[in-house]
Amino acid sequence: MQRVGFLIKVKPDKIEEYKKIHAQVWPELLAELKAAGIRNYSLWLRPDGLEFGYLECDNWQATCDYLAKSEVHTRWQIYMQDYLDSPIAGESAQPIEMLEMSFLLE
């Protein structure tokens, strides 16, 4: 299993609308994310628009390759462009690499 984290920035004037959209993500997109092997996908959004995302998959590269060919995923990404100020401070939109360490697991 791979754990993937990422940071994006939501435009401050678009935060409320962004939250409403994410409260009703397209069912066909959710099905496509699952088909791509994504599970345990969570987003945390600060009031200033900085968002941290986390997901798990078996093979991140295979997941990216699958989604690159997905019409519904491409439509969603285009739709979201108006809401995002990404990447963060000139950083690339690459996922955050995780140290393979875990603490306080039961």
PDB file of N, CA and C in Angstrom:
ATOM      1  N   MET A   1       0.845  -1.178   0.000  1.00  0.00           N
ATOM      2  CA  MET A   1       0.000   0.000   0.000  1.00  0.00           C
ATOM      3  C   MET A   1       0.888   1.239   0.000  1.00  0.00           C
ATOM      4  N   GLN A   2       0.489   2.227  -0.789  1.00  0.00           N
ATOM      5  CA  GLN A   2       1.154   3.521  -0.788  1.00  0.00           C
ATOM      6  C   GLN A   2       0.218   4.558  -0.190  1.00  0.00           C
ATOM      7  N   ARG A   3       0.781   5.441   0.619  1.00  0.00           N
ATOM      8  CA  ARG A   3       0.042   6.551   1.193  1.00  0.00           C
ATOM      9  C   ARG A   3       0.550   7.816   0.517  1.00  0.00           C
ATOM     10  N   VAL A   4      -0.373   8.622   0.010  1.00  0.00           N
ATOM     11  CA  VAL A   4      -0.019   9.803  -0.771  1.00  0.00           C
ATOM     12  C   VAL A   4      -0.658  11.027  -0.137  1.00  0.00           C
ATOM     13  N   GLY A   5       0.141  12.066   0.051  1.00  0.00           N
ATOM     14  CA  GLY A   5      -0.362  13.339   0.548  1.00  0.00           C
ATOM     15  C   GLY A   5      -0.054  14.425  -0.462  1.00  0.00           C
ATOM     16  N   PHE A   6      -0.855  15.472  -0.463  1.00  0.00           N
ATOM     17  CA  PHE A   6      -0.615  16.584  -1.375  1.00  0.00           C
ATOM     18  C   PHE A   6      -1.194  17.860  -0.789  1.00  0.00           C
ATOM     19  N   LEU A   7      -0.637  18.982  -1.218  1.00  0.00           N
ATOM     20  CA  LEU A   7      -1.120  20.305  -0.824  1.00  0.00           C
ATOM     21  C   LEU A   7      -1.614  21.043  -2.057  1.00  0.00           C
ATOM     22  N   ILE A   8      -2.751  21.700  -1.907  1.00  0.00           N
ATOM     23  CA  ILE A   8      -3.244  22.605  -2.934  1.00  0.00           C
ATOM     24  C   ILE A   8      -3.772  23.851  -2.244  1.00  0.00           C
ATOM     25  N   LYS A   9      -3.998  24.882  -3.009  1.00  0.00           N
ATOM     26  CA  LYS A   9      -4.503  26.142  -2.456  1.00  0.00           C
ATOM     27  C   LYS A   9      -5.797  26.511  -3.175  1.00  0.00           C
ATOM     28  N   VAL A  10      -6.856  26.627  -2.409  1.00  0.00           N
ATOM     29  CA  VAL A  10      -8.147  27.062  -2.929  1.00  0.00           C
ATOM     30  C   VAL A  10      -8.172  28.589  -2.872  1.00  0.00           C
ATOM     31  N   LYS A  11      -8.651  29.213  -3.943  1.00  0.00           N
ATOM     32  CA  LYS A  11      -8.754  30.673  -3.966  1.00  0.00           C
ATOM     33  C   LYS A  11      -9.660  31.129  -2.818  1.00  0.00           C
ATOM     34  N   PRO A  12      -9.227  32.119  -2.036  1.00  0.00           N
ATOM     35  CA  PRO A  12     -10.016  32.556  -0.877  1.00  0.00           C
ATOM     36  C   PRO A  12     -11.462  32.926  -1.202  1.00  0.00           C
ATOM     37  N   ASP A  13     -11.696  33.550  -2.337  1.00  0.00           N
ATOM     38  CA  ASP A  13     -13.061  33.951  -2.687  1.00  0.00           C
ATOM     39  C   ASP A  13     -13.907  32.796  -3.224  1.00  0.00           C
ATOM     40  N   LYS A  14     -13.301  31.624  -3.353  1.00  0.00           N
ATOM     41  CA  LYS A  14     -14.014  30.465  -3.895  1.00  0.00           C
ATOM     42  C   LYS A  14     -14.214  29.356  -2.863  1.00  0.00           C
ATOM     43  N   ILE A  15     -13.778  29.566  -1.620  1.00  0.00           N
ATOM     44  CA  ILE A  15     -13.787  28.496  -0.618  1.00  0.00           C
ATOM     45  C   ILE A  15     -15.191  27.954  -0.361  1.00  0.00           C
ATOM     46  N   GLU A  16     -16.154  28.818  -0.132  1.00  0.00           N
ATOM     47  CA  GLU A  16     -17.508  28.336   0.203  1.00  0.00           C
ATOM     48  C   GLU A  16     -18.118  27.536  -0.944  1.00  0.00           C
ATOM     49  N   GLU A  17     -17.967  28.025  -2.157  1.00  0.00           N
ATOM     50  CA  GLU A  17     -18.485  27.300  -3.319  1.00  0.00           C
ATOM     51  C   GLU A  17     -17.746  25.969  -3.498  1.00  0.00           C
ATOM     52  N   TYR A  18     -16.438  25.978  -3.293  1.00  0.00           N
ATOM     53  CA  TYR A  18     -15.614  24.765  -3.384  1.00  0.00           C
ATOM     54  C   TYR A  18     -16.109  23.708  -2.390  1.00  0.00           C
ATOM     55  N   LYS A  19     -16.415  24.135  -1.170  1.00  0.00           N
ATOM     56  CA  LYS A  19     -16.913  23.192  -0.161  1.00  0.00           C
ATOM     57  C   LYS A  19     -18.266  22.614  -0.569  1.00  0.00           C
ATOM     58  N   LYS A  20     -19.144  23.447  -1.135  1.00  0.00           N
ATOM     59  CA  LYS A  20     -20.447  22.951  -1.592  1.00  0.00           C
ATOM     60  C   LYS A  20     -20.285  21.920  -2.706  1.00  0.00           C
ATOM     61  N   ILE A  21     -19.390  22.195  -3.638  1.00  0.00           N
ATOM     62  CA  ILE A  21     -19.150  21.249  -4.734  1.00  0.00           C
ATOM     63  C   ILE A  21     -18.639  19.923  -4.189  1.00  0.00           C
ATOM     64  N   HIS A  22     -17.731  19.979  -3.224  1.00  0.00           N
ATOM     65  CA  HIS A  22     -17.155  18.756  -2.674  1.00  0.00           C
ATOM     66  C   HIS A  22     -18.110  18.014  -1.742  1.00  0.00           C
ATOM     67  N   ALA A  23     -19.174  18.668  -1.326  1.00  0.00           N
ATOM     68  CA  ALA A  23     -20.197  17.976  -0.546  1.00  0.00           C
ATOM     69  C   ALA A  23     -21.046  17.069  -1.436  1.00  0.00           C
ATOM     70  N   GLN A  24     -20.951  17.280  -2.765  1.00  0.00           N
ATOM     71  CA  GLN A  24     -21.724  16.488  -3.722  1.00  0.00           C
ATOM     72  C   GLN A  24     -20.852  16.141  -4.929  1.00  0.00           C
ATOM     73  N   VAL A  25     -19.745  15.461  -4.666  1.00  0.00           N
ATOM     74  CA  VAL A  25     -18.853  15.048  -5.758  1.00  0.00           C
ATOM     75  C   VAL A  25     -19.627  14.149  -6.711  1.00  0.00           C
ATOM     76  N   TRP A  26     -19.375  14.315  -7.999  1.00  0.00           N
ATOM     77  CA  TRP A  26     -20.052  13.514  -9.018  1.00  0.00           C
ATOM     78  C   TRP A  26     -19.910  12.023  -8.713  1.00  0.00           C
ATOM     79  N   PRO A  27     -21.013  11.290  -8.696  1.00  0.00           N
ATOM     80  CA  PRO A  27     -20.937   9.843  -8.446  1.00  0.00           C
ATOM     81  C   PRO A  27     -20.041   9.117  -9.456  1.00  0.00           C
ATOM     82  N   GLU A  28     -20.061   9.554 -10.714  1.00  0.00           N
ATOM     83  CA  GLU A  28     -19.221   8.905 -11.715  1.00  0.00           C
ATOM     84  C   GLU A  28     -17.732   9.159 -11.456  1.00  0.00           C
ATOM     85  N   LEU A  29     -17.393  10.301 -10.842  1.00  0.00           N
ATOM     86  CA  LEU A  29     -16.004  10.554 -10.470  1.00  0.00           C
ATOM     87  C   LEU A  29     -15.606   9.659  -9.307  1.00  0.00           C
ATOM     88  N   LEU A  30     -16.466   9.536  -8.312  1.00  0.00           N
ATOM     89  CA  LEU A  30     -16.160   8.656  -7.183  1.00  0.00           C
ATOM     90  C   LEU A  30     -15.951   7.218  -7.652  1.00  0.00           C
ATOM     91  N   ALA A  31     -16.773   6.767  -8.580  1.00  0.00           N
ATOM     92  CA  ALA A  31     -16.616   5.413  -9.129  1.00  0.00           C
ATOM     93  C   ALA A  31     -15.279   5.283  -9.866  1.00  0.00           C
ATOM     94  N   GLU A  32     -14.901   6.313 -10.579  1.00  0.00           N
ATOM     95  CA  GLU A  32     -13.644   6.289 -11.332  1.00  0.00           C
ATOM     96  C   GLU A  32     -12.436   6.299 -10.392  1.00  0.00           C
ATOM     97  N   LEU A  33     -12.492   7.070  -9.321  1.00  0.00           N
ATOM     98  CA  LEU A  33     -11.404   7.077  -8.341  1.00  0.00           C
ATOM     99  C   LEU A  33     -11.244   5.697  -7.709  1.00  0.00           C
ATOM    100  N   LYS A  34     -12.354   5.071  -7.408  1.00  0.00           N
ATOM    101  CA  LYS A  34     -12.317   3.712  -6.841  1.00  0.00           C
ATOM    102  C   LYS A  34     -11.747   2.727  -7.858  1.00  0.00           C
ATOM    103  N   ALA A  35     -12.172   2.837  -9.104  1.00  0.00           N
ATOM    104  CA  ALA A  35     -11.657   1.948 -10.158  1.00  0.00           C
ATOM    105  C   ALA A  35     -10.158   2.146 -10.363  1.00  0.00           C
ATOM    106  N   ALA A  36      -9.671   3.356 -10.087  1.00  0.00           N
ATOM    107  CA  ALA A  36      -8.241   3.653 -10.215  1.00  0.00           C
ATOM    108  C   ALA A  36      -7.434   3.092  -9.049  1.00  0.00           C
ATOM    109  N   GLY A  37      -8.137   2.575  -8.044  1.00  0.00           N
ATOM    110  CA  GLY A  37      -7.456   1.964  -6.904  1.00  0.00           C
ATOM    111  C   GLY A  37      -7.312   2.863  -5.696  1.00  0.00           C
ATOM    112  N   ILE A  38      -7.988   4.012  -5.695  1.00  0.00           N
ATOM    113  CA  ILE A  38      -7.894   4.945  -4.573  1.00  0.00           C
ATOM    114  C   ILE A  38      -8.872   4.538  -3.474  1.00  0.00           C
ATOM    115  N   ARG A  39      -8.388   4.634  -2.249  1.00  0.00           N
ATOM    116  CA  ARG A  39      -9.248   4.400  -1.081  1.00  0.00           C
ATOM    117  C   ARG A  39      -8.788   5.336   0.045  1.00  0.00           C
ATOM    118  N   ASN A  40      -9.637   5.486   1.036  1.00  0.00           N
ATOM    119  CA  ASN A  40      -9.335   6.345   2.185  1.00  0.00           C
ATOM    120  C   ASN A  40      -8.872   7.733   1.743  1.00  0.00           C
ATOM    121  N   TYR A  41      -9.641   8.355   0.887  1.00  0.00           N
ATOM    122  CA  TYR A  41      -9.329   9.671   0.337  1.00  0.00           C
ATOM    123  C   TYR A  41      -9.973  10.720   1.239  1.00  0.00           C
ATOM    124  N   SER A  42      -9.159  11.601   1.800  1.00  0.00           N
ATOM    125  CA  SER A  42      -9.649  12.637   2.698  1.00  0.00           C
ATOM    126  C   SER A  42      -9.024  13.978   2.341  1.00  0.00           C
ATOM    127  N   LEU A  43      -9.779  15.039   2.593  1.00  0.00           N
ATOM    128  CA  LEU A  43      -9.296  16.405   2.381  1.00  0.00           C
ATOM    129  C   LEU A  43      -9.506  17.199   3.665  1.00  0.00           C
ATOM    130  N   TRP A  44      -8.512  18.032   3.998  1.00  0.00           N
ATOM    131  CA  TRP A  44      -8.605  18.952   5.126  1.00  0.00           C
ATOM    132  C   TRP A  44      -8.367  20.349   4.585  1.00  0.00           C
ATOM    133  N   LEU A  45      -9.300  21.258   4.833  1.00  0.00           N
ATOM    134  CA  LEU A  45      -9.228  22.606   4.280  1.00  0.00           C
ATOM    135  C   LEU A  45      -9.162  23.636   5.410  1.00  0.00           C
ATOM    136  N   ARG A  46      -8.103  24.443   5.404  1.00  0.00           N
ATOM    137  CA  ARG A  46      -7.982  25.525   6.379  1.00  0.00           C
ATOM    138  C   ARG A  46      -8.811  26.722   5.924  1.00  0.00           C
ATOM    139  N   PRO A  47      -9.157  27.609   6.841  1.00  0.00           N
ATOM    140  CA  PRO A  47      -9.931  28.803   6.470  1.00  0.00           C
ATOM    141  C   PRO A  47      -9.235  29.691   5.439  1.00  0.00           C
ATOM    142  N   ASP A  48      -7.900  29.632   5.354  1.00  0.00           N
ATOM    143  CA  ASP A  48      -7.182  30.453   4.371  1.00  0.00           C
ATOM    144  C   ASP A  48      -7.099  29.793   2.998  1.00  0.00           C
ATOM    145  N   GLY A  49      -7.677  28.601   2.858  1.00  0.00           N
ATOM    146  CA  GLY A  49      -7.710  27.922   1.567  1.00  0.00           C
ATOM    147  C   GLY A  49      -6.631  26.886   1.356  1.00  0.00           C
ATOM    148  N   LEU A  50      -5.691  26.760   2.273  1.00  0.00           N
ATOM    149  CA  LEU A  50      -4.685  25.708   2.142  1.00  0.00           C
ATOM    150  C   LEU A  50      -5.345  24.374   2.441  1.00  0.00           C
ATOM    151  N   GLU A  51      -5.195  23.443   1.518  1.00  0.00           N
ATOM    152  CA  GLU A  51      -5.842  22.140   1.652  1.00  0.00           C
ATOM    153  C   GLU A  51      -4.797  21.035   1.605  1.00  0.00           C
ATOM    154  N   PHE A  52      -4.936  20.102   2.535  1.00  0.00           N
ATOM    155  CA  PHE A  52      -4.112  18.904   2.554  1.00  0.00           C
ATOM    156  C   PHE A  52      -4.991  17.730   2.164  1.00  0.00           C
ATOM    157  N   GLY A  53      -4.520  16.941   1.225  1.00  0.00           N
ATOM    158  CA  GLY A  53      -5.232  15.749   0.811  1.00  0.00           C
ATOM    159  C   GLY A  53      -4.423  14.507   1.128  1.00  0.00           C
ATOM    160  N   TYR A  54      -5.110  13.435   1.424  1.00  0.00           N
ATOM    161  CA  TYR A  54      -4.481  12.158   1.735  1.00  0.00           C
ATOM    162  C   TYR A  54      -5.289  11.053   1.077  1.00  0.00           C
ATOM    163  N   LEU A  55      -4.579  10.096   0.508  1.00  0.00           N
ATOM    164  CA  LEU A  55      -5.242   8.924  -0.052  1.00  0.00           C
ATOM    165  C   LEU A  55      -4.315   7.722   0.044  1.00  0.00           C
ATOM    166  N   GLU A  56      -4.901   6.572  -0.142  1.00  0.00           N
ATOM    167  CA  GLU A  56      -4.145   5.334  -0.184  1.00  0.00           C
ATOM    168  C   GLU A  56      -4.449   4.618  -1.491  1.00  0.00           C
ATOM    169  N   CYS A  57      -3.439   3.948  -2.024  1.00  0.00           N
ATOM    170  CA  CYS A  57      -3.603   3.133  -3.222  1.00  0.00           C
ATOM    171  C   CYS A  57      -2.503   2.078  -3.212  1.00  0.00           C
ATOM    172  N   ASP A  58      -2.609   1.114  -4.099  1.00  0.00           N
ATOM    173  CA  ASP A  58      -1.582   0.080  -4.166  1.00  0.00           C
ATOM    174  C   ASP A  58      -0.372   0.525  -4.971  1.00  0.00           C
ATOM    175  N   ASN A  59      -0.610   1.319  -6.012  1.00  0.00           N
ATOM    176  CA  ASN A  59       0.483   1.736  -6.894  1.00  0.00           C
ATOM    177  C   ASN A  59       0.148   3.126  -7.430  1.00  0.00           C
ATOM    178  N   TRP A  60       0.804   4.144  -6.887  1.00  0.00           N
ATOM    179  CA  TRP A  60       0.496   5.525  -7.253  1.00  0.00           C
ATOM    180  C   TRP A  60       0.681   5.782  -8.741  1.00  0.00           C
ATOM    181  N   GLN A  61       1.747   5.260  -9.314  1.00  0.00           N
ATOM    182  CA  GLN A  61       1.987   5.500 -10.741  1.00  0.00           C
ATOM    183  C   GLN A  61       0.891   4.873 -11.594  1.00  0.00           C
ATOM    184  N   ALA A  62       0.471   3.665 -11.246  1.00  0.00           N
ATOM    185  CA  ALA A  62      -0.620   3.011 -11.986  1.00  0.00           C
ATOM    186  C   ALA A  62      -1.926   3.785 -11.826  1.00  0.00           C
ATOM    187  N   THR A  63      -2.167   4.317 -10.638  1.00  0.00           N
ATOM    188  CA  THR A  63      -3.359   5.125 -10.397  1.00  0.00           C
ATOM    189  C   THR A  63      -3.338   6.383 -11.266  1.00  0.00           C
ATOM    190  N   CYS A  64      -2.188   7.065 -11.306  1.00  0.00           N
ATOM    191  CA  CYS A  64      -2.048   8.271 -12.137  1.00  0.00           C
ATOM    192  C   CYS A  64      -2.233   7.947 -13.617  1.00  0.00           C
ATOM    193  N   ASP A  65      -1.654   6.840 -14.055  1.00  0.00           N
ATOM    194  CA  ASP A  65      -1.786   6.432 -15.457  1.00  0.00           C
ATOM    195  C   ASP A  65      -3.248   6.170 -15.814  1.00  0.00           C
ATOM    196  N   TYR A  66      -3.976   5.507 -14.913  1.00  0.00           N
ATOM    197  CA  TYR A  66      -5.395   5.222 -15.145  1.00  0.00           C
ATOM    198  C   TYR A  66      -6.187   6.533 -15.245  1.00  0.00           C
ATOM    199  N   LEU A  67      -5.967   7.433 -14.283  1.00  0.00           N
ATOM    200  CA  LEU A  67      -6.735   8.682 -14.263  1.00  0.00           C
ATOM    201  C   LEU A  67      -6.390   9.600 -15.423  1.00  0.00           C
ATOM    202  N   ALA A  68      -5.179   9.503 -15.935  1.00  0.00           N
ATOM    203  CA  ALA A  68      -4.785  10.321 -17.098  1.00  0.00           C
ATOM    204  C   ALA A  68      -5.621   9.973 -18.326  1.00  0.00           C
ATOM    205  N   LYS A  69      -6.164   8.774 -18.369  1.00  0.00           N
ATOM    206  CA  LYS A  69      -6.986   8.320 -19.497  1.00  0.00           C
ATOM    207  C   LYS A  69      -8.485   8.442 -19.219  1.00  0.00           C
ATOM    208  N   SER A  70      -8.832   8.959 -18.055  1.00  0.00           N
ATOM    209  CA  SER A  70     -10.230   9.020 -17.628  1.00  0.00           C
ATOM    210  C   SER A  70     -10.891  10.320 -18.079  1.00  0.00           C
ATOM    211  N   GLU A  71     -11.937  10.213 -18.850  1.00  0.00           N
ATOM    212  CA  GLU A  71     -12.666  11.383 -19.319  1.00  0.00           C
ATOM    213  C   GLU A  71     -13.303  12.134 -18.161  1.00  0.00           C
ATOM    214  N   VAL A  72     -13.920  11.434 -17.221  1.00  0.00           N
ATOM    215  CA  VAL A  72     -14.602  12.101 -16.114  1.00  0.00           C
ATOM    216  C   VAL A  72     -13.580  12.774 -15.187  1.00  0.00           C
ATOM    217  N   HIS A  73     -12.451  12.168 -14.952  1.00  0.00           N
ATOM    218  CA  HIS A  73     -11.424  12.780 -14.114  1.00  0.00           C
ATOM    219  C   HIS A  73     -10.872  14.045 -14.782  1.00  0.00           C
ATOM    220  N   THR A  74     -10.658  13.984 -16.088  1.00  0.00           N
ATOM    221  CA  THR A  74     -10.185  15.156 -16.834  1.00  0.00           C
ATOM    222  C   THR A  74     -11.202  16.286 -16.758  1.00  0.00           C
ATOM    223  N   ARG A  75     -12.487  15.962 -16.899  1.00  0.00           N
ATOM    224  CA  ARG A  75     -13.542  16.982 -16.786  1.00  0.00           C
ATOM    225  C   ARG A  75     -13.533  17.637 -15.407  1.00  0.00           C
ATOM    226  N   TRP A  76     -13.372  16.821 -14.360  1.00  0.00           N
ATOM    227  CA  TRP A  76     -13.340  17.339 -12.989  1.00  0.00           C
ATOM    228  C   TRP A  76     -12.149  18.278 -12.798  1.00  0.00           C
ATOM    229  N   GLN A  77     -10.977  17.872 -13.290  1.00  0.00           N
ATOM    230  CA  GLN A  77      -9.786  18.697 -13.141  1.00  0.00           C
ATOM    231  C   GLN A  77      -9.958  20.044 -13.850  1.00  0.00           C
ATOM    232  N   ILE A  78     -10.548  20.038 -15.014  1.00  0.00           N
ATOM    233  CA  ILE A  78     -10.818  21.284 -15.739  1.00  0.00           C
ATOM    234  C   ILE A  78     -11.816  22.138 -14.958  1.00  0.00           C
ATOM    235  N   TYR A  79     -12.850  21.518 -14.425  1.00  0.00           N
ATOM    236  CA  TYR A  79     -13.867  22.202 -13.635  1.00  0.00           C
ATOM    237  C   TYR A  79     -13.242  22.863 -12.398  1.00  0.00           C
ATOM    238  N   MET A  80     -12.309  22.202 -11.767  1.00  0.00           N
ATOM    239  CA  MET A  80     -11.689  22.694 -10.539  1.00  0.00           C
ATOM    240  C   MET A  80     -10.673  23.815 -10.779  1.00  0.00           C
ATOM    241  N   GLN A  81     -10.192  23.989 -11.990  1.00  0.00           N
ATOM    242  CA  GLN A  81      -9.155  24.984 -12.261  1.00  0.00           C
ATOM    243  C   GLN A  81      -9.545  26.393 -11.808  1.00  0.00           C
ATOM    244  N   ASP A  82     -10.805  26.736 -11.904  1.00  0.00           N
ATOM    245  CA  ASP A  82     -11.255  28.070 -11.520  1.00  0.00           C
ATOM    246  C   ASP A  82     -11.242  28.283 -10.010  1.00  0.00           C
ATOM    247  N   TYR A  83     -11.150  27.195  -9.241  1.00  0.00           N
ATOM    248  CA  TYR A  83     -11.209  27.272  -7.789  1.00  0.00           C
ATOM    249  C   TYR A  83      -9.835  27.220  -7.122  1.00  0.00           C
ATOM    250  N   LEU A  84      -8.820  26.837  -7.859  1.00  0.00           N
ATOM    251  CA  LEU A  84      -7.523  26.549  -7.247  1.00  0.00           C
ATOM    252  C   LEU A  84      -6.443  27.538  -7.632  1.00  0.00           C
ATOM    253  N   ASP A  85      -5.597  27.839  -6.658  1.00  0.00           N
ATOM    254  CA  ASP A  85      -4.362  28.590  -6.853  1.00  0.00           C
ATOM    255  C   ASP A  85      -3.210  27.603  -6.654  1.00  0.00           C
ATOM    256  N   SER A  86      -3.121  26.624  -7.471  1.00  0.00           N
ATOM    257  CA  SER A  86      -2.065  25.614  -7.329  1.00  0.00           C
ATOM    258  C   SER A  86      -1.085  25.788  -8.456  1.00  0.00           C
ATOM    259  N   PRO A  87       0.100  25.382  -8.275  1.00  0.00           N
ATOM    260  CA  PRO A  87       0.692  24.786  -7.079  1.00  0.00           C
ATOM    261  C   PRO A  87       1.007  25.822  -6.005  1.00  0.00           C
ATOM    262  N   ILE A  88       1.393  25.343  -4.852  1.00  0.00           N
ATOM    263  CA  ILE A  88       1.684  26.194  -3.699  1.00  0.00           C
ATOM    264  C   ILE A  88       3.038  26.883  -3.887  1.00  0.00           C
ATOM    265  N   ALA A  89       3.066  28.182  -3.777  1.00  0.00           N
ATOM    266  CA  ALA A  89       4.297  28.982  -3.755  1.00  0.00           C
ATOM    267  C   ALA A  89       5.339  28.504  -4.756  1.00  0.00           C
ATOM    268  N   GLY A  90       4.908  28.251  -5.995  1.00  0.00           N
ATOM    269  CA  GLY A  90       5.838  27.863  -7.038  1.00  0.00           C
ATOM    270  C   GLY A  90       6.264  26.410  -7.009  1.00  0.00           C
ATOM    271  N   GLU A  91       5.753  25.651  -6.083  1.00  0.00           N
ATOM    272  CA  GLU A  91       6.099  24.232  -6.014  1.00  0.00           C
ATOM    273  C   GLU A  91       5.391  23.502  -7.147  1.00  0.00           C
ATOM    274  N   SER A  92       5.934  22.372  -7.527  1.00  0.00           N
ATOM    275  CA  SER A  92       5.256  21.554  -8.528  1.00  0.00           C
ATOM    276  C   SER A  92       4.052  20.892  -7.877  1.00  0.00           C
ATOM    277  N   ALA A  93       3.140  20.402  -8.679  1.00  0.00           N
ATOM    278  CA  ALA A  93       1.937  19.760  -8.167  1.00  0.00           C
ATOM    279  C   ALA A  93       2.171  18.287  -7.858  1.00  0.00           C
ATOM    280  N   GLN A  94       3.393  17.922  -7.590  1.00  0.00           N
ATOM    281  CA  GLN A  94       3.720  16.536  -7.273  1.00  0.00           C
ATOM    282  C   GLN A  94       3.248  16.192  -5.865  1.00  0.00           C
ATOM    283  N   PRO A  95       2.950  14.916  -5.618  1.00  0.00           N
ATOM    284  CA  PRO A  95       2.544  14.531  -4.261  1.00  0.00           C
ATOM    285  C   PRO A  95       3.711  14.684  -3.288  1.00  0.00           C
ATOM    286  N   ILE A  96       3.357  14.834  -2.044  1.00  0.00           N
ATOM    287  CA  ILE A  96       4.348  14.912  -0.978  1.00  0.00           C
ATOM    288  C   ILE A  96       4.837  13.504  -0.690  1.00  0.00           C
ATOM    289  N   GLU A  97       6.141  13.316  -0.698  1.00  0.00           N
ATOM    290  CA  GLU A  97       6.663  11.998  -0.380  1.00  0.00           C
ATOM    291  C   GLU A  97       6.664  11.814   1.121  1.00  0.00           C
ATOM    292  N   MET A  98       6.245  10.642   1.528  1.00  0.00           N
ATOM    293  CA  MET A  98       6.113  10.349   2.943  1.00  0.00           C
ATOM    294  C   MET A  98       7.299   9.531   3.419  1.00  0.00           C
ATOM    295  N   LEU A  99       7.813   9.892   4.582  1.00  0.00           N
ATOM    296  CA  LEU A  99       8.764   9.007   5.234  1.00  0.00           C
ATOM    297  C   LEU A  99       7.982   7.765   5.638  1.00  0.00           C
ATOM    298  N   GLU A 100       8.512   6.614   5.354  1.00  0.00           N
ATOM    299  CA  GLU A 100       7.778   5.399   5.679  1.00  0.00           C
ATOM    300  C   GLU A 100       7.925   5.086   7.157  1.00  0.00           C
ATOM    301  N   MET A 101       7.344   5.945   7.963  1.00  0.00           N
ATOM    302  CA  MET A 101       7.342   5.788   9.408  1.00  0.00           C
ATOM    303  C   MET A 101       5.922   6.001   9.899  1.00  0.00           C
ATOM    304  N   SER A 102       5.527   5.240  10.866  1.00  0.00           N
ATOM    305  CA  SER A 102       4.227   5.421  11.475  1.00  0.00           C
ATOM    306  C   SER A 102       4.413   5.390  12.983  1.00  0.00           C
ATOM    307  N   PHE A 103       3.578   6.117  13.684  1.00  0.00           N
ATOM    308  CA  PHE A 103       3.703   6.227  15.118  1.00  0.00           C
ATOM    309  C   PHE A 103       2.355   5.997  15.785  1.00  0.00           C
ATOM    310  N   LEU A 104       2.377   5.424  16.942  1.00  0.00           N
ATOM    311  CA  LEU A 104       1.195   5.224  17.787  1.00  0.00           C
ATOM    312  C   LEU A 104       0.075   4.468  17.082  1.00  0.00           C
ATOM    313  N   LEU A 105       0.445   3.452  16.318  1.00  0.00           N
ATOM    314  CA  LEU A 105      -0.559   2.619  15.677  1.00  0.00           C
ATOM    315  C   LEU A 105      -0.928   1.481  16.631  1.00  0.00           C
ATOM    316  N   GLU A 106      -2.168   1.125  16.624  1.00  0.00           N
ATOM    317  CA  GLU A 106      -2.611   0.008  17.463  1.00  0.00           C
ATOM    318  C   GLU A 106      -3.021  -1.147  16.609  1.00  0.00           C
TER     319      GLU A 106
END
